[in-house]
């Protein structure tokens, strides 16, 4: 089984790309992917806030 690339996994976490049907499905993996998804969204939000503050200094 081929290991998916880093960017492919991110696209799958964000529901932009469908997951491979052959991957195992269990509760622990679902929770892990959910936590990774939350972390990615929090990181992107923080990057947006930092960019906003750099562009519009208050």
PDB file of N, CA and C in Angstrom:
ATOM      1  N   UNK A   1       0.848  -1.181   0.000  1.00  0.00           N
ATOM      2  CA  UNK A   1       0.000   0.000   0.000  1.00  0.00           C
ATOM      3  C   UNK A   1       0.890   1.240   0.000  1.00  0.00           C
ATOM      4  N   UNK A   2       0.606   2.169  -0.890  1.00  0.00           N
ATOM      5  CA  UNK A   2       1.403   3.384  -1.024  1.00  0.00           C
ATOM      6  C   UNK A   2       1.036   4.382   0.067  1.00  0.00           C
ATOM      7  N   UNK A   3       2.047   4.990   0.683  1.00  0.00           N
ATOM      8  CA  UNK A   3       1.853   5.994   1.730  1.00  0.00           C
ATOM      9  C   UNK A   3       1.446   7.319   1.079  1.00  0.00           C
ATOM     10  N   UNK A   4       0.332   7.940   1.517  1.00  0.00           N
ATOM     11  CA  UNK A   4      -0.067   9.217   0.922  1.00  0.00           C
ATOM     12  C   UNK A   4       0.899  10.336   1.304  1.00  0.00           C
ATOM     13  N   UNK A   5       1.006  11.332   0.435  1.00  0.00           N
ATOM     14  CA  UNK A   5       1.911  12.444   0.698  1.00  0.00           C
ATOM     15  C   UNK A   5       1.340  13.352   1.781  1.00  0.00           C
ATOM     16  N   UNK A   6       2.185  14.241   2.265  1.00  0.00           N
ATOM     17  CA  UNK A   6       1.806  15.178   3.322  1.00  0.00           C
ATOM     18  C   UNK A   6       0.639  16.052   2.872  1.00  0.00           C
ATOM     19  N   UNK A   7       0.732  16.589   1.654  1.00  0.00           N
ATOM     20  CA  UNK A   7      -0.309  17.487   1.162  1.00  0.00           C
ATOM     21  C   UNK A   7      -1.614  16.736   0.882  1.00  0.00           C
ATOM     22  N   UNK A   8      -1.512  15.492   0.469  1.00  0.00           N
ATOM     23  CA  UNK A   8      -2.703  14.679   0.256  1.00  0.00           C
ATOM     24  C   UNK A   8      -3.443  14.465   1.570  1.00  0.00           C
ATOM     25  N   UNK A   9      -2.702  14.224   2.648  1.00  0.00           N
ATOM     26  CA  UNK A   9      -3.325  14.042   3.950  1.00  0.00           C
ATOM     27  C   UNK A   9      -4.018  15.313   4.416  1.00  0.00           C
ATOM     28  N   UNK A  10      -3.396  16.470   4.195  1.00  0.00           N
ATOM     29  CA  UNK A  10      -4.025  17.737   4.585  1.00  0.00           C
ATOM     30  C   UNK A  10      -5.326  17.940   3.804  1.00  0.00           C
ATOM     31  N   UNK A  11      -5.300  17.670   2.510  1.00  0.00           N
ATOM     32  CA  UNK A  11      -6.516  17.806   1.702  1.00  0.00           C
ATOM     33  C   UNK A  11      -7.610  16.862   2.190  1.00  0.00           C
ATOM     34  N   UNK A  12      -7.220  15.676   2.639  1.00  0.00           N
ATOM     35  CA  UNK A  12      -8.203  14.735   3.170  1.00  0.00           C
ATOM     36  C   UNK A  12      -8.752  15.200   4.504  1.00  0.00           C
ATOM     37  N   UNK A  13      -7.915  15.767   5.370  1.00  0.00           N
ATOM     38  CA  UNK A  13      -8.375  16.274   6.663  1.00  0.00           C
ATOM     39  C   UNK A  13      -9.395  17.388   6.476  1.00  0.00           C
ATOM     40  N   UNK A  14      -9.172  18.222   5.480  1.00  0.00           N
ATOM     41  CA  UNK A  14     -10.047  19.371   5.250  1.00  0.00           C
ATOM     42  C   UNK A  14     -11.225  19.032   4.343  1.00  0.00           C
ATOM     43  N   UNK A  15     -11.401  17.754   4.019  1.00  0.00           N
ATOM     44  CA  UNK A  15     -12.491  17.270   3.169  1.00  0.00           C
ATOM     45  C   UNK A  15     -12.445  17.859   1.765  1.00  0.00           C
ATOM     46  N   UNK A  16     -11.263  18.236   1.279  1.00  0.00           N
ATOM     47  CA  UNK A  16     -11.134  18.729  -0.083  1.00  0.00           C
ATOM     48  C   UNK A  16     -10.944  17.549  -1.030  1.00  0.00           C
ATOM     49  N   UNK A  17     -10.299  16.507  -0.541  1.00  0.00           N
ATOM     50  CA  UNK A  17     -10.069  15.306  -1.335  1.00  0.00           C
ATOM     51  C   UNK A  17     -10.651  14.106  -0.602  1.00  0.00           C
ATOM     52  N   UNK A  18     -11.264  13.192  -1.355  1.00  0.00           N
ATOM     53  CA  UNK A  18     -11.840  12.001  -0.731  1.00  0.00           C
ATOM     54  C   UNK A  18     -10.743  11.071  -0.239  1.00  0.00           C
ATOM     55  N   UNK A  19     -11.035  10.389   0.872  1.00  0.00           N
ATOM     56  CA  UNK A  19     -10.085   9.432   1.429  1.00  0.00           C
ATOM     57  C   UNK A  19     -10.083   8.163   0.601  1.00  0.00           C
ATOM     58  N   UNK A  20      -8.955   7.463   0.661  1.00  0.00           N
ATOM     59  CA  UNK A  20      -8.820   6.192  -0.025  1.00  0.00           C
ATOM     60  C   UNK A  20      -9.746   5.175   0.627  1.00  0.00           C
ATOM     61  N   UNK A  21     -10.469   4.421  -0.166  1.00  0.00           N
ATOM     62  CA  UNK A  21     -11.433   3.444   0.366  1.00  0.00           C
ATOM     63  C   UNK A  21     -10.738   2.270   1.049  1.00  0.00           C
ATOM     64  N   UNK A  22      -9.466   2.043   0.734  1.00  0.00           N
ATOM     65  CA  UNK A  22      -8.744   0.906   1.306  1.00  0.00           C
ATOM     66  C   UNK A  22      -8.152   1.186   2.685  1.00  0.00           C
ATOM     67  N   UNK A  23      -8.211   2.434   3.149  1.00  0.00           N
ATOM     68  CA  UNK A  23      -7.627   2.754   4.448  1.00  0.00           C
ATOM     69  C   UNK A  23      -8.477   2.172   5.572  1.00  0.00           C
ATOM     70  N   UNK A  24      -7.830   1.765   6.666  1.00  0.00           N
ATOM     71  CA  UNK A  24      -8.602   1.188   7.779  1.00  0.00           C
ATOM     72  C   UNK A  24      -9.449   2.257   8.477  1.00  0.00           C
ATOM     73  N   UNK A  25     -10.611   1.847   8.973  1.00  0.00           N
ATOM     74  CA  UNK A  25     -11.514   2.754   9.669  1.00  0.00           C
ATOM     75  C   UNK A  25     -11.698   2.256  11.097  1.00  0.00           C
ATOM     76  N   UNK A  26     -11.245   3.026  12.062  1.00  0.00           N
ATOM     77  CA  UNK A  26     -11.555   2.713  13.446  1.00  0.00           C
ATOM     78  C   UNK A  26     -11.696   4.021  14.212  1.00  0.00           C
ATOM     79  N   UNK A  27     -12.181   3.934  15.424  1.00  0.00           N
ATOM     80  CA  UNK A  27     -12.507   5.120  16.207  1.00  0.00           C
ATOM     81  C   UNK A  27     -11.277   5.960  16.515  1.00  0.00           C
ATOM     82  N   UNK A  28     -10.161   5.326  16.835  1.00  0.00           N
ATOM     83  CA  UNK A  28      -8.954   6.078  17.172  1.00  0.00           C
ATOM     84  C   UNK A  28      -8.462   6.918  15.997  1.00  0.00           C
ATOM     85  N   UNK A  29      -8.514   6.355  14.809  1.00  0.00           N
ATOM     86  CA  UNK A  29      -8.081   7.105  13.626  1.00  0.00           C
ATOM     87  C   UNK A  29      -9.033   8.263  13.363  1.00  0.00           C
ATOM     88  N   UNK A  30     -10.327   8.062  13.565  1.00  0.00           N
ATOM     89  CA  UNK A  30     -11.296   9.151  13.372  1.00  0.00           C
ATOM     90  C   UNK A  30     -11.019  10.301  14.342  1.00  0.00           C
ATOM     91  N   UNK A  31     -10.749   9.988  15.606  1.00  0.00           N
ATOM     92  CA  UNK A  31     -10.441  11.030  16.586  1.00  0.00           C
ATOM     93  C   UNK A  31      -9.135  11.735  16.248  1.00  0.00           C
ATOM     94  N   UNK A  32      -8.140  10.972  15.800  1.00  0.00           N
ATOM     95  CA  UNK A  32      -6.858  11.565  15.443  1.00  0.00           C
ATOM     96  C   UNK A  32      -7.032  12.543  14.275  1.00  0.00           C
ATOM     97  N   UNK A  33      -7.771  12.135  13.249  1.00  0.00           N
ATOM     98  CA  UNK A  33      -8.007  13.012  12.108  1.00  0.00           C
ATOM     99  C   UNK A  33      -8.823  14.236  12.519  1.00  0.00           C
ATOM    100  N   UNK A  34      -9.763  14.075  13.434  1.00  0.00           N
ATOM    101  CA  UNK A  34     -10.546  15.211  13.918  1.00  0.00           C
ATOM    102  C   UNK A  34      -9.684  16.219  14.647  1.00  0.00           C
ATOM    103  N   UNK A  35      -8.790  15.745  15.508  1.00  0.00           N
ATOM    104  CA  UNK A  35      -7.887  16.643  16.222  1.00  0.00           C
ATOM    105  C   UNK A  35      -6.920  17.333  15.257  1.00  0.00           C
ATOM    106  N   UNK A  36      -6.434  16.605  14.262  1.00  0.00           N
ATOM    107  CA  UNK A  36      -5.553  17.213  13.267  1.00  0.00           C
ATOM    108  C   UNK A  36      -6.289  18.294  12.488  1.00  0.00           C
ATOM    109  N   UNK A  37      -7.544  18.043  12.156  1.00  0.00           N
ATOM    110  CA  UNK A  37      -8.354  19.016  11.420  1.00  0.00           C
ATOM    111  C   UNK A  37      -8.537  20.291  12.248  1.00  0.00           C
ATOM    112  N   UNK A  38      -8.832  20.135  13.536  1.00  0.00           N
ATOM    113  CA  UNK A  38      -8.992  21.296  14.421  1.00  0.00           C
ATOM    114  C   UNK A  38      -7.681  22.062  14.514  1.00  0.00           C
ATOM    115  N   UNK A  39      -6.564  21.357  14.633  1.00  0.00           N
ATOM    116  CA  UNK A  39      -5.252  22.013  14.719  1.00  0.00           C
ATOM    117  C   UNK A  39      -4.934  22.801  13.455  1.00  0.00           C
ATOM    118  N   UNK A  40      -5.245  22.236  12.300  1.00  0.00           N
ATOM    119  CA  UNK A  40      -4.982  22.936  11.037  1.00  0.00           C
ATOM    120  C   UNK A  40      -5.814  24.201  10.953  1.00  0.00           C
ATOM    121  N   UNK A  41      -7.108  24.119  11.304  1.00  0.00           N
ATOM    122  CA  UNK A  41      -7.965  25.305  11.260  1.00  0.00           C
ATOM    123  C   UNK A  41      -7.491  26.375  12.242  1.00  0.00           C
ATOM    124  N   UNK A  42      -7.072  25.977  13.436  1.00  0.00           N
ATOM    125  CA  UNK A  42      -6.574  26.952  14.409  1.00  0.00           C
ATOM    126  C   UNK A  42      -5.291  27.610  13.910  1.00  0.00           C
ATOM    127  N   UNK A  43      -4.413  26.835  13.305  1.00  0.00           N
ATOM    128  CA  UNK A  43      -3.178  27.374  12.761  1.00  0.00           C
ATOM    129  C   UNK A  43      -3.472  28.371  11.641  1.00  0.00           C
ATOM    130  N   UNK A  44      -4.356  28.013  10.721  1.00  0.00           N
ATOM    131  CA  UNK A  44      -4.688  28.918   9.618  1.00  0.00           C
ATOM    132  C   UNK A  44      -5.349  30.195  10.127  1.00  0.00           C
ATOM    133  N   UNK A  45      -6.190  30.081  11.145  1.00  0.00           N
ATOM    134  CA  UNK A  45      -6.813  31.262  11.734  1.00  0.00           C
ATOM    135  C   UNK A  45      -5.752  32.172  12.354  1.00  0.00           C
ATOM    136  N   UNK A  46      -4.800  31.582  13.086  1.00  0.00           N
ATOM    137  CA  UNK A  46      -3.739  32.369  13.717  1.00  0.00           C
ATOM    138  C   UNK A  46      -2.866  33.052  12.667  1.00  0.00           C
ATOM    139  N   UNK A  47      -2.572  32.367  11.571  1.00  0.00           N
ATOM    140  CA  UNK A  47      -1.782  32.975  10.501  1.00  0.00           C
ATOM    141  C   UNK A  47      -2.545  34.155   9.900  1.00  0.00           C
ATOM    142  N   UNK A  48      -3.847  34.016   9.711  1.00  0.00           N
ATOM    143  CA  UNK A  48      -4.657  35.114   9.182  1.00  0.00           C
ATOM    144  C   UNK A  48      -4.650  36.309  10.134  1.00  0.00           C
ATOM    145  N   UNK A  49      -4.749  36.061  11.435  1.00  0.00           N
ATOM    146  CA  UNK A  49      -4.716  37.148  12.419  1.00  0.00           C
ATOM    147  C   UNK A  49      -3.360  37.845  12.390  1.00  0.00           C
ATOM    148  N   UNK A  50      -2.285  37.085  12.317  1.00  0.00           N
ATOM    149  CA  UNK A  50      -0.943  37.676  12.285  1.00  0.00           C
ATOM    150  C   UNK A  50      -0.770  38.527  11.026  1.00  0.00           C
ATOM    151  N   UNK A  51      -1.209  38.023   9.883  1.00  0.00           N
ATOM    152  CA  UNK A  51      -1.100  38.793   8.639  1.00  0.00           C
ATOM    153  C   UNK A  51      -1.932  40.062   8.726  1.00  0.00           C
ATOM    154  N   UNK A  52      -3.143  39.963   9.276  1.00  0.00           N
ATOM    155  CA  UNK A  52      -3.992  41.141   9.434  1.00  0.00           C
ATOM    156  C   UNK A  52      -3.318  42.195  10.310  1.00  0.00           C
ATOM    157  N   UNK A  53      -2.733  41.758  11.416  1.00  0.00           N
ATOM    158  CA  UNK A  53      -2.067  42.701  12.329  1.00  0.00           C
ATOM    159  C   UNK A  53      -0.831  43.318  11.699  1.00  0.00           C
ATOM    160  N   UNK A  54      -0.132  42.580  10.858  1.00  0.00           N
ATOM    161  CA  UNK A  54       1.043  43.136  10.188  1.00  0.00           C
ATOM    162  C   UNK A  54       0.642  44.159   9.129  1.00  0.00           C
ATOM    163  N   UNK A  55      -0.454  43.898   8.431  1.00  0.00           N
ATOM    164  CA  UNK A  55      -0.892  44.804   7.374  1.00  0.00           C
ATOM    165  C   UNK A  55      -1.591  46.050   7.919  1.00  0.00           C
ATOM    166  N   UNK A  56      -2.360  45.885   8.981  1.00  0.00           N
ATOM    167  CA  UNK A  56      -3.138  46.990   9.544  1.00  0.00           C
ATOM    168  C   UNK A  56      -2.709  47.209  10.987  1.00  0.00           C
ATOM    169  N   UNK A  57      -1.588  47.868  11.165  1.00  0.00           N
ATOM    170  CA  UNK A  57      -1.057  48.086  12.516  1.00  0.00           C
ATOM    171  C   UNK A  57      -1.995  49.011  13.294  1.00  0.00           C
ATOM    172  N   UNK A  58      -2.354  48.569  14.464  1.00  0.00           N
ATOM    173  CA  UNK A  58      -3.268  49.362  15.313  1.00  0.00           C
ATOM    174  C   UNK A  58      -2.478  50.037  16.395  1.00  0.00           C
TER     175      UNK A  58
END
